[in-house]
C-alpha atoms as a PDB file:
ATOM      1  CA  MET A   1     110.659 -98.819 113.136  1.00  0.00           C
ATOM      2  CA  LEU A   2     111.518 -95.308 114.814  1.00  0.00           C
ATOM      3  CA  VAL A   3     114.560 -94.212 116.784  1.00  0.00           C
ATOM      4  CA  LEU A   4     113.536 -91.723 119.494  1.00  0.00           C
ATOM      5  CA  THR A   5     115.847 -88.795 119.585  1.00  0.00           C
ATOM      6  CA  SER A   6     113.810 -86.081 120.895  1.00  0.00           C
ATOM      7  CA  SER A   7     114.316 -85.313 124.597  1.00  0.00           C
ATOM      8  CA  THR A   8     110.391 -84.599 124.916  1.00  0.00           C
ATOM      9  CA  LYS A   9     109.652 -87.979 123.527  1.00  0.00           C
ATOM     10  CA  LEU A  10     112.058 -89.761 125.765  1.00  0.00           C
ATOM     11  CA  GLN A  11     110.791 -88.058 128.822  1.00  0.00           C
ATOM     12  CA  LYS A  12     107.212 -89.068 127.721  1.00  0.00           C
ATOM     13  CA  LEU A  13     108.300 -92.583 127.247  1.00  0.00           C
ATOM     14  CA  GLU A  14     109.759 -92.602 130.722  1.00  0.00           C
ATOM     15  CA  GLN A  15     106.447 -91.748 132.216  1.00  0.00           C
ATOM     16  CA  MET A  16     104.613 -94.241 129.984  1.00  0.00           C
ATOM     17  CA  LEU A  17     106.772 -97.045 131.068  1.00  0.00           C
ATOM     18  CA  LYS A  18     106.153 -96.406 134.687  1.00  0.00           C
ATOM     19  CA  LYS A  19     102.599 -97.412 133.998  1.00  0.00           C
ATOM     20  CA  ASN A  20     103.617-100.822 132.826  1.00  0.00           C
ATOM     21  CA  PHE A  21     105.729-101.815 135.989  1.00  0.00           C
ATOM     22  CA  PRO A  22     107.015-104.402 136.721  1.00  0.00           C
ATOM     23  CA  GLU A  23     107.451-105.703 133.142  1.00  0.00           C
ATOM     24  CA  SER A  24     109.030-102.556 131.757  1.00  0.00           C
ATOM     25  CA  LEU A  25     111.612-102.121 134.525  1.00  0.00           C
ATOM     26  CA  LYS A  26     114.563-103.034 132.442  1.00  0.00           C
ATOM     27  CA  VAL A  27     113.800-100.793 129.722  1.00  0.00           C
ATOM     28  CA  TYR A  28     112.661 -98.056 132.154  1.00  0.00           C
ATOM     29  CA  GLY A  29     116.163 -98.301 133.737  1.00  0.00           C
ATOM     30  CA  ALA A  30     117.881 -97.752 130.508  1.00  0.00           C
ATOM     31  CA  VAL A  31     115.639 -94.919 129.562  1.00  0.00           C
ATOM     32  CA  LEU A  32     116.257 -93.253 132.904  1.00  0.00           C
ATOM     33  CA  ASN A  33     120.094 -93.285 132.164  1.00  0.00           C
ATOM     34  CA  ILE A  34     119.479 -91.910 128.650  1.00  0.00           C
ATOM     35  CA  ASN A  35     117.462 -89.024 130.058  1.00  0.00           C
ATOM     36  CA  ARG A  36     120.153 -88.235 132.664  1.00  0.00           C
ATOM     37  CA  GLY A  37     123.195 -87.689 130.384  1.00  0.00           C
ATOM     38  CA  ASN A  38     123.170 -90.992 128.505  1.00  0.00           C
ATOM     39  CA  PRO A  39     126.649 -91.910 129.716  1.00  0.00           C
ATOM     40  CA  PHE A  40     126.530 -95.437 128.229  1.00  0.00           C
ATOM     41  CA  ARG A  41     125.452 -94.046 124.644  1.00  0.00           C
ATOM     42  CA  LYS A  42     122.198 -95.964 124.384  1.00  0.00           C
ATOM     43  CA  GLU A  43     119.129 -95.129 122.196  1.00  0.00           C
ATOM     44  CA  VAL A  44     115.553 -96.243 121.995  1.00  0.00           C
ATOM     45  CA  VAL A  45     113.647 -97.794 119.045  1.00  0.00           C
ATOM     46  CA  VAL A  46     109.880 -98.324 118.875  1.00  0.00           C
ATOM     47  CA  ASP A  47     107.669 -99.765 116.402  1.00  0.00           C
ATOM     48  CA  THR A  48     105.271 -96.710 116.394  1.00  0.00           C
ATOM     49  CA  TRP A  49     104.879 -93.438 118.077  1.00  0.00           C
ATOM     50  CA  PRO A  50     103.296 -92.064 120.280  1.00  0.00           C
ATOM     51  CA  GLU A  51     101.402 -95.231 120.789  1.00  0.00           C
ATOM     52  CA  PHE A  52     103.826 -98.133 120.709  1.00  0.00           C
ATOM     53  CA  ASN A  53     103.512-101.856 120.999  1.00  0.00           C
ATOM     54  CA  ALA A  54     107.207-102.782 121.425  1.00  0.00           C
ATOM     55  CA  VAL A  55     110.268-100.821 122.630  1.00  0.00           C
ATOM     56  CA  ILE A  56     113.915-101.886 122.484  1.00  0.00           C
ATOM     57  CA  THR A  57     116.907 -99.964 123.953  1.00  0.00           C
ATOM     58  CA  ARG A  58     120.249-100.598 122.291  1.00  0.00           C
ATOM     59  CA  ARG A  59     123.675 -99.211 121.992  1.00  0.00           C
ATOM     60  CA  GLN A  60     123.913 -96.126 119.607  1.00  0.00           C
ATOM     61  CA  ARG A  61     124.859 -97.357 116.153  1.00  0.00           C
ATOM     62  CA  GLN A  62     127.753 -94.829 115.890  1.00  0.00           C
ATOM     63  CA  ALA A  63     129.262 -95.953 119.237  1.00  0.00           C
ATOM     64  CA  GLU A  64     132.350 -98.047 119.232  1.00  0.00           C
ATOM     65  CA  SER A  65     131.751-101.824 119.811  1.00  0.00           C
ATOM     66  CA  ASP A  66     133.366-105.277 119.945  1.00  0.00           C
ATOM     67  CA  ASP A  67     131.625-108.106 118.033  1.00  0.00           C
ATOM     68  CA  LEU A  68     132.403-110.388 121.002  1.00  0.00           C
ATOM     69  CA  ASP A  69     131.204-108.043 123.674  1.00  0.00           C
ATOM     70  CA  SER A  70     127.858-109.444 124.775  1.00  0.00           C
ATOM     71  CA  PHE A  71     128.085-107.142 127.942  1.00  0.00           C
ATOM     72  CA  THR A  72     127.921-103.921 126.085  1.00  0.00           C
ATOM     73  CA  ASN A  73     126.042-105.220 123.068  1.00  0.00           C
ATOM     74  CA  ALA A  74     122.945-105.434 125.205  1.00  0.00           C
ATOM     75  CA  TYR A  75     119.340-104.800 124.415  1.00  0.00           C
ATOM     76  CA  ALA A  76     116.331-104.313 126.760  1.00  0.00           C
ATOM     77  CA  VAL A  77     112.865-104.942 125.435  1.00  0.00           C
ATOM     78  CA  PHE A  78     109.270-104.442 126.504  1.00  0.00           C
ATOM     79  CA  TYR A  79     106.222-105.233 124.565  1.00  0.00           C
ATOM     80  CA  LYS A  80     102.364-104.673 124.649  1.00  0.00           C
ATOM     81  CA  ASP A  81     101.906-106.949 121.672  1.00  0.00           C
ATOM     82  CA  LEU A  82     104.240-109.937 121.201  1.00  0.00           C
ATOM     83  CA  LYS A  83     103.662-109.831 117.488  1.00  0.00           C
ATOM     84  CA  ALA A  84     104.804-106.217 117.246  1.00  0.00           C
ATOM     85  CA  TYR A  85     107.916-107.111 119.111  1.00  0.00           C
ATOM     86  CA  TRP A  86     108.431-110.130 116.803  1.00  0.00           C
ATOM     87  CA  ALA A  87     108.147-107.850 113.771  1.00  0.00           C
ATOM     88  CA  LEU A  88     110.572-105.325 115.280  1.00  0.00           C
ATOM     89  CA  LEU A  89     113.131-108.049 115.940  1.00  0.00           C
ATOM     90  CA  GLU A  90     112.882-109.147 112.278  1.00  0.00           C
ATOM     91  CA  ASN A  91     113.499-105.730 111.020  1.00  0.00           C
ATOM     92  CA  PRO A  92     117.230-105.588 109.865  1.00  0.00           C
ATOM     93  CA  GLU A  93     117.620-102.171 111.025  1.00  0.00           C
ATOM     94  CA  THR A  94     116.865-103.131 114.752  1.00  0.00           C
ATOM     95  CA  ILE A  95     119.541-105.480 115.786  1.00  0.00           C
ATOM     96  CA  ASN A  96     123.185-106.236 114.619  1.00  0.00           C
ATOM     97  CA  TRP A  97     122.934-109.925 114.188  1.00  0.00           C
ATOM     98  CA  GLU A  98     126.689-110.254 113.145  1.00  0.00           C
ATOM     99  CA  GLN A  99     127.645-109.549 116.780  1.00  0.00           C
ATOM    100  CA  VAL A 100     127.424-111.660 120.019  1.00  0.00           C
ATOM    101  CA  PHE A 101     124.675-109.733 121.851  1.00  0.00           C
ATOM    102  CA  GLN A 102     122.200-110.188 124.709  1.00  0.00           C
ATOM    103  CA  ILE A 103     118.599-109.340 125.119  1.00  0.00           C
ATOM    104  CA  GLN A 104     117.068-108.754 128.596  1.00  0.00           C
ATOM    105  CA  GLY A 105     113.432-108.627 129.536  1.00  0.00           C
ATOM    106  CA  LEU A 106     110.821-109.473 132.069  1.00  0.00           C
ATOM    107  CA  GLN A 107     108.135-111.051 129.853  1.00  0.00           C
ATOM    108  CA  GLU A 108     107.036-114.531 128.476  1.00  0.00           C
ATOM    109  CA  GLY A 109     107.723-115.325 125.014  1.00  0.00           C
ATOM    110  CA  LEU A 110     111.055-113.596 124.538  1.00  0.00           C
ATOM    111  CA  PHE A 111     113.038-116.948 124.216  1.00  0.00           C
ATOM    112  CA  GLU A 112     110.679-118.325 121.725  1.00  0.00           C
ATOM    113  CA  VAL A 113     110.620-115.226 119.562  1.00  0.00           C
ATOM    114  CA  SER A 114     114.533-115.051 119.559  1.00  0.00           C
ATOM    115  CA  LYS A 115     114.672-118.798 118.644  1.00  0.00           C
ATOM    116  CA  ALA A 116     112.347-118.191 115.815  1.00  0.00           C
ATOM    117  CA  VAL A 117     114.067-115.180 114.387  1.00  0.00           C
ATOM    118  CA  ALA A 118     117.700-116.309 115.078  1.00  0.00           C
ATOM    119  CA  GLY A 119     117.386-119.835 113.516  1.00  0.00           C
ATOM    120  CA  PRO A 120     117.297-118.865 109.870  1.00  0.00           C
ATOM    121  CA  LYS A 121     120.403-116.519 110.548  1.00  0.00           C
ATOM    122  CA  LEU A 122     122.390-119.465 112.138  1.00  0.00           C
ATOM    123  CA  VAL A 123     122.609-117.611 115.510  1.00  0.00           C
ATOM    124  CA  ASP A 124     122.544-119.794 118.745  1.00  0.00           C
ATOM    125  CA  VAL A 125     120.423-118.508 121.572  1.00  0.00           C
ATOM    126  CA  LYS A 126     121.081-119.472 125.275  1.00  0.00           C
ATOM    127  CA  GLN A 127     118.599-118.476 128.010  1.00  0.00           C
ATOM    128  CA  SER A 128     119.091-117.697 131.656  1.00  0.00           C
ATOM    129  CA  SER A 129     116.383-117.112 134.070  1.00  0.00           C
ATOM    130  CA  PHE A 130     116.339-115.367 137.395  1.00  0.00           C
ATOM    131  CA  GLN A 131     114.056-114.186 140.154  1.00  0.00           C
ATOM    132  CA  MET A 132     113.518-110.280 140.109  1.00  0.00           C
ATOM    133  CA  VAL A 133     113.509-108.173 143.120  1.00  0.00           C
ATOM    134  CA  THR A 134     113.077-104.582 144.005  1.00  0.00           C
ATOM    135  CA  HIS A 135     113.429-102.453 147.105  1.00  0.00           C
ATOM    136  CA  PRO A 136     110.381-100.136 146.423  1.00  0.00           C
ATOM    137  CA  ASP A 137     110.660 -98.241 149.736  1.00  0.00           C
ATOM    138  CA  PRO A 138     114.166 -97.101 151.100  1.00  0.00           C
ATOM    139  CA  ASP A 139     112.531 -96.350 154.394  1.00  0.00           C
ATOM    140  CA  ALA A 140     111.596-100.000 154.679  1.00  0.00           C
ATOM    141  CA  LEU A 141     115.168-101.023 154.576  1.00  0.00           C
ATOM    142  CA  PRO A 142     116.208-102.361 158.151  1.00  0.00           C
ATOM    143  CA  GLU A 143     118.977-100.591 159.754  1.00  0.00           C
ATOM    144  CA  VAL A 144     122.424-102.215 159.421  1.00  0.00           C
ATOM    145  CA  ASN A 145     124.282-102.877 162.710  1.00  0.00           C
ATOM    146  CA  LEU A 146     127.630-104.270 162.295  1.00  0.00           C
ATOM    147  CA  LYS A 147     129.577-105.789 165.374  1.00  0.00           C
ATOM    148  CA  LEU A 148     133.076-104.433 164.234  1.00  0.00           C
ATOM    149  CA  ASN A 149     135.804-102.764 166.362  1.00  0.00           C
ATOM    150  CA  SER A 150     135.832 -99.706 163.948  1.00  0.00           C
ATOM    151  CA  PRO A 151     133.205 -98.699 161.305  1.00  0.00           C
ATOM    152  CA  PRO A 152     133.783 -99.804 157.708  1.00  0.00           C
ATOM    153  CA  ARG A 153     135.239 -97.513 155.193  1.00  0.00           C
ATOM    154  CA  LEU A 154     132.683 -96.931 152.448  1.00  0.00           C
ATOM    155  CA  ALA A 155     133.528 -95.431 149.120  1.00  0.00           C
ATOM    156  CA  SER A 156     132.633 -95.695 145.287  1.00  0.00           C
ATOM    157  CA  LEU A 157     134.385 -98.148 143.312  1.00  0.00           C
ATOM    158  CA  ASP A 158     137.287 -96.926 141.058  1.00  0.00           C
ATOM    159  CA  VAL A 159     137.974 -98.160 137.419  1.00  0.00           C
ATOM    160  CA  SER A 160     141.309 -99.523 138.756  1.00  0.00           C
ATOM    161  CA  HIS A 161     139.186-102.090 140.659  1.00  0.00           C
ATOM    162  CA  ALA A 162     137.703-103.566 137.474  1.00  0.00           C
ATOM    163  CA  ALA A 163     140.434-106.314 137.274  1.00  0.00           C
ATOM    164  CA  LEU A 164     139.392-107.618 140.707  1.00  0.00           C
ATOM    165  CA  LEU A 165     135.799-107.474 139.885  1.00  0.00           C
ATOM    166  CA  ASN A 166     136.356-109.252 136.670  1.00  0.00           C
ATOM    167  CA  GLU A 167     138.136-112.176 138.522  1.00  0.00           C
ATOM    168  CA  THR A 168     135.503-112.755 141.107  1.00  0.00           C
ATOM    169  CA  TRP A 169     132.209-112.233 138.952  1.00  0.00           C
ATOM    170  CA  SER A 170     130.658-115.531 137.627  1.00  0.00           C
ATOM    171  CA  ARG A 171     130.272-113.939 134.323  1.00  0.00           C
ATOM    172  CA  GLY A 172     133.711-112.555 134.358  1.00  0.00           C
ATOM    173  CA  GLY A 173     137.145-113.642 133.140  1.00  0.00           C
ATOM    174  CA  SER A 174     137.358-112.007 129.713  1.00  0.00           C
ATOM    175  CA  GLU A 175     138.893-108.772 128.514  1.00  0.00           C
ATOM    176  CA  GLN A 176     135.570-107.575 127.247  1.00  0.00           C
ATOM    177  CA  CYS A 177     134.139-108.156 130.729  1.00  0.00           C
ATOM    178  CA  ARG A 178     136.944-106.059 132.390  1.00  0.00           C
ATOM    179  CA  THR A 179     136.335-103.301 130.028  1.00  0.00           C
ATOM    180  CA  TYR A 180     132.633-103.481 130.524  1.00  0.00           C
ATOM    181  CA  LEU A 181     133.024-103.469 134.342  1.00  0.00           C
ATOM    182  CA  ALA A 182     135.360-100.369 134.241  1.00  0.00           C
ATOM    183  CA  SER A 183     132.816 -98.588 132.007  1.00  0.00           C
ATOM    184  CA  LEU A 184     129.903 -99.214 134.527  1.00  0.00           C
ATOM    185  CA  ILE A 185     132.147 -97.985 137.478  1.00  0.00           C
ATOM    186  CA  GLY A 186     132.914 -94.833 135.568  1.00  0.00           C
ATOM    187  CA  CYS A 187     129.227 -94.267 134.539  1.00  0.00           C
ATOM    188  CA  PHE A 188     126.879 -95.448 137.331  1.00  0.00           C
ATOM    189  CA  PRO A 189     126.621 -95.724 141.254  1.00  0.00           C
ATOM    190  CA  SER A 190     128.559 -98.094 143.040  1.00  0.00           C
ATOM    191  CA  ILE A 191     129.450 -98.812 146.741  1.00  0.00           C
ATOM    192  CA  CYS A 192     132.423-100.784 148.392  1.00  0.00           C
ATOM    193  CA  VAL A 193     134.025-101.395 151.576  1.00  0.00           C
ATOM    194  CA  LEU A 194     137.861-100.613 151.689  1.00  0.00           C
ATOM    195  CA  ASP A 195     140.443-102.271 153.814  1.00  0.00           C
ATOM    196  CA  GLU A 196     143.326-100.458 155.427  1.00  0.00           C
ATOM    197  CA  ASN A 197     145.279-100.405 152.366  1.00  0.00           C
ATOM    198  CA  GLY A 198     142.437 -98.880 150.244  1.00  0.00           C
ATOM    199  CA  SER A 199     141.624-102.135 148.410  1.00  0.00           C
ATOM    200  CA  PRO A 200     137.872-103.146 148.058  1.00  0.00           C
ATOM    201  CA  VAL A 201     136.736-106.248 150.030  1.00  0.00           C
ATOM    202  CA  SER A 202     133.168-106.031 149.428  1.00  0.00           C
ATOM    203  CA  TRP A 203     131.003-104.186 146.749  1.00  0.00           C
ATOM    204  CA  GLY A 204     128.043-103.719 144.532  1.00  0.00           C
ATOM    205  CA  LEU A 205     127.516-101.660 141.387  1.00  0.00           C
ATOM    206  CA  THR A 206     124.855-100.856 138.748  1.00  0.00           C
ATOM    207  CA  ASP A 207     124.488-101.618 135.065  1.00  0.00           C
ATOM    208  CA  GLN A 208     123.238 -99.796 132.045  1.00  0.00           C
ATOM    209  CA  PHE A 209     119.657-100.825 133.001  1.00  0.00           C
ATOM    210  CA  ALA A 210     119.869 -99.392 136.475  1.00  0.00           C
ATOM    211  CA  THR A 211     120.134-102.841 137.893  1.00  0.00           C
ATOM    212  CA  MET A 212     122.220-103.717 141.113  1.00  0.00           C
ATOM    213  CA  ILE A 213     124.830-106.325 140.024  1.00  0.00           C
ATOM    214  CA  HIS A 214     127.722-108.229 141.148  1.00  0.00           C
ATOM    215  CA  GLY A 215     127.261-107.947 144.926  1.00  0.00           C
ATOM    216  CA  TYR A 216     130.296-109.786 146.276  1.00  0.00           C
ATOM    217  CA  THR A 217     132.478-110.159 149.413  1.00  0.00           C
ATOM    218  CA  LEU A 218     135.948-111.608 149.380  1.00  0.00           C
ATOM    219  CA  PRO A 219     135.872-115.065 151.220  1.00  0.00           C
ATOM    220  CA  GLU A 220     138.248-113.834 153.964  1.00  0.00           C
ATOM    221  CA  HIS A 221     135.796-110.897 154.752  1.00  0.00           C
ATOM    222  CA  ARG A 222     132.643-112.675 155.046  1.00  0.00           C
ATOM    223  CA  ARG A 223     130.157-113.143 157.915  1.00  0.00           C
ATOM    224  CA  LYS A 224     130.804-109.435 159.038  1.00  0.00           C
ATOM    225  CA  GLY A 225     127.412-108.023 157.455  1.00  0.00           C
ATOM    226  CA  TYR A 226     129.089-106.355 154.562  1.00  0.00           C
ATOM    227  CA  ASN A 227     126.608-107.710 151.895  1.00  0.00           C
ATOM    228  CA  ARG A 228     123.666-106.193 153.810  1.00  0.00           C
ATOM    229  CA  LEU A 229     125.528-103.064 154.184  1.00  0.00           C
ATOM    230  CA  ILE A 230     126.378-102.743 150.608  1.00  0.00           C
ATOM    231  CA  ALA A 231     123.139-103.794 149.274  1.00  0.00           C
ATOM    232  CA  THR A 232     121.313-101.285 151.544  1.00  0.00           C
ATOM    233  CA  ALA A 233     123.603 -98.368 150.962  1.00  0.00           C
ATOM    234  CA  LEU A 234     123.392 -98.891 147.075  1.00  0.00           C
ATOM    235  CA  ALA A 235     119.689 -99.212 147.164  1.00  0.00           C
ATOM    236  CA  LYS A 236     119.437 -95.901 149.095  1.00  0.00           C
ATOM    237  CA  LYS A 237     121.734 -94.173 146.746  1.00  0.00           C
ATOM    238  CA  LEU A 238     119.754 -95.319 143.724  1.00  0.00           C
ATOM    239  CA  HIS A 239     116.485 -94.014 145.311  1.00  0.00           C
ATOM    240  CA  SER A 240     118.170 -90.735 146.183  1.00  0.00           C
ATOM    241  CA  ARG A 241     118.915 -90.201 142.473  1.00  0.00           C
ATOM    242  CA  GLY A 242     115.419 -91.110 141.346  1.00  0.00           C
ATOM    243  CA  PHE A 243     116.161 -94.663 140.270  1.00  0.00           C
ATOM    244  CA  PRO A 244     114.415 -97.755 141.274  1.00  0.00           C
ATOM    245  CA  ALA A 245     116.500-100.265 143.267  1.00  0.00           C
ATOM    246  CA  GLN A 246     116.223-103.491 141.316  1.00  0.00           C
ATOM    247  CA  GLY A 247     118.080-106.677 141.066  1.00  0.00           C
ATOM    248  CA  ASN A 248     118.019-110.511 140.247  1.00  0.00           C
ATOM    249  CA  VAL A 249     119.055-113.622 141.913  1.00  0.00           C
ATOM    250  CA  LEU A 250     119.274-117.252 140.848  1.00  0.00           C
ATOM    251  CA  GLU A 251     116.545-119.390 142.562  1.00  0.00           C
ATOM    252  CA  ASP A 252     119.140-121.713 144.086  1.00  0.00           C
ATOM    253  CA  ASN A 253     121.206-118.964 145.594  1.00  0.00           C
ATOM    254  CA  VAL A 254     119.861-119.466 149.049  1.00  0.00           C
ATOM    255  CA  PRO A 255     122.124-117.202 151.021  1.00  0.00           C
ATOM    256  CA  SER A 256     121.292-114.267 148.771  1.00  0.00           C
ATOM    257  CA  ILE A 257     117.574-114.998 148.873  1.00  0.00           C
ATOM    258  CA  THR A 258     117.620-115.108 152.518  1.00  0.00           C
ATOM    259  CA  LEU A 259     119.346-111.878 152.872  1.00  0.00           C
ATOM    260  CA  LEU A 260     116.942-110.162 150.433  1.00  0.00           C
ATOM    261  CA  LYS A 261     114.013-111.366 152.354  1.00  0.00           C
ATOM    262  CA  SER A 262     115.559-110.198 155.545  1.00  0.00           C
ATOM    263  CA  MET A 263     115.859-106.761 153.919  1.00  0.00           C
ATOM    264  CA  ASN A 264     112.048-106.691 153.047  1.00  0.00           C
ATOM    265  CA  ALA A 265     112.858-106.959 149.221  1.00  0.00           C
ATOM    266  CA  GLN A 266     109.860-107.506 146.993  1.00  0.00           C
ATOM    267  CA  PHE A 267     110.069-110.654 144.869  1.00  0.00           C
ATOM    268  CA  LEU A 268     108.249-109.704 141.609  1.00  0.00           C
ATOM    269  CA  PRO A 269     105.847-112.315 139.816  1.00  0.00           C
ATOM    270  CA  CYS A 270     107.693-111.799 136.501  1.00  0.00           C
ATOM    271  CA  ARG A 271     111.009-113.322 135.845  1.00  0.00           C
ATOM    272  CA  PHE A 272     114.102-111.846 134.534  1.00  0.00           C
ATOM    273  CA  VAL A 273     115.332-113.427 131.178  1.00  0.00           C
ATOM    274  CA  ARG A 274     118.753-112.871 129.773  1.00  0.00           C
ATOM    275  CA  LEU A 275     119.218-114.362 126.254  1.00  0.00           C
ATOM    276  CA  ILE A 276     122.778-114.597 124.703  1.00  0.00           C
ATOM    277  CA  HIS A 277     122.739-114.592 120.957  1.00  0.00           C
ATOM    278  CA  THR A 278     125.937-116.033 119.159  1.00  0.00           C
ATOM    279  CA  PRO A 279     126.318-116.125 115.460  1.00  0.00           C
ATOM    280  CA  SER A 280     127.675-119.566 114.342  1.00  0.00           C
ATOM    281  CA  ARG A 281     131.069-118.049 113.358  1.00  0.00           C
ATOM    282  CA  PHE A 282     131.693-117.203 116.896  1.00  0.00           C
ATOM    283  CA  LEU A 283     130.584-120.388 118.575  1.00  0.00           C
ATOM    284  CA  THR A 284     134.059-121.812 118.909  1.00  0.00           C
ATOM    285  CA  ALA A 285     135.016-118.533 120.805  1.00  0.00           C
ATOM    286  CA  PRO A 286     134.052-118.147 124.601  1.00  0.00           C
ATOM    287  CA  HIS A 287     131.359-115.803 125.126  1.00  0.00           C
ATOM    288  CA  TRP A 288     129.476-114.594 128.346  1.00  0.00           C
END
């Protein structure tokens, strides 16, 4: 196991991951952020270098962490050889198994490997699966024409908005989530529509893996085209900064899927998998 700290190696890894799209997109997004200032204090672990068979991005070991914060304690994985990934996961220096944490990836076999490695450690594993989408060409995004009396006021989210986002997110409701959302707002691109009082009524933001998340409009402001406006503006902002515009959606979220299709989004053949790992001593506590 090796931790890549050299900027030259990390830049080379970024280029190598581009050759393995779309399965490497989650790790690629994390590496992009590392190579552009590393605001979320991540690092990269590989099995070997320069030819690697498995790569994992994780929180820097010296960074402060909360054992119940599965949002921040998040790993992105990509493998060329499933056995190499399995061996890397079993290495005691790779993962902190004493915490609640999540693993994200876009390949088959991740759940089975996690179950096999986590079982003897008395760690529970829960799987969520989503359709993965991208907006590969910003020029292909349709124009947004809103039938409003006055143009909407667009801005970036502010950390003071984290409480509202925490209340409205399907995965929200905890102090860990509120702190995490505040960190995302402070580190990564976001877009919101503000009302006349300067409060957000619709928004979208980006996570540590350069993925667009938590696109939401308050119920009283829906059916105005804000979701389309936010998604389009955020995708273009990400492209302008050299990032992919990627996101995920549940298969039964028909309104979001309809919106994404109307925006010429590309639905990828691989699925996004999120695995929440919870040590048995935390199973009585809520985790997200």
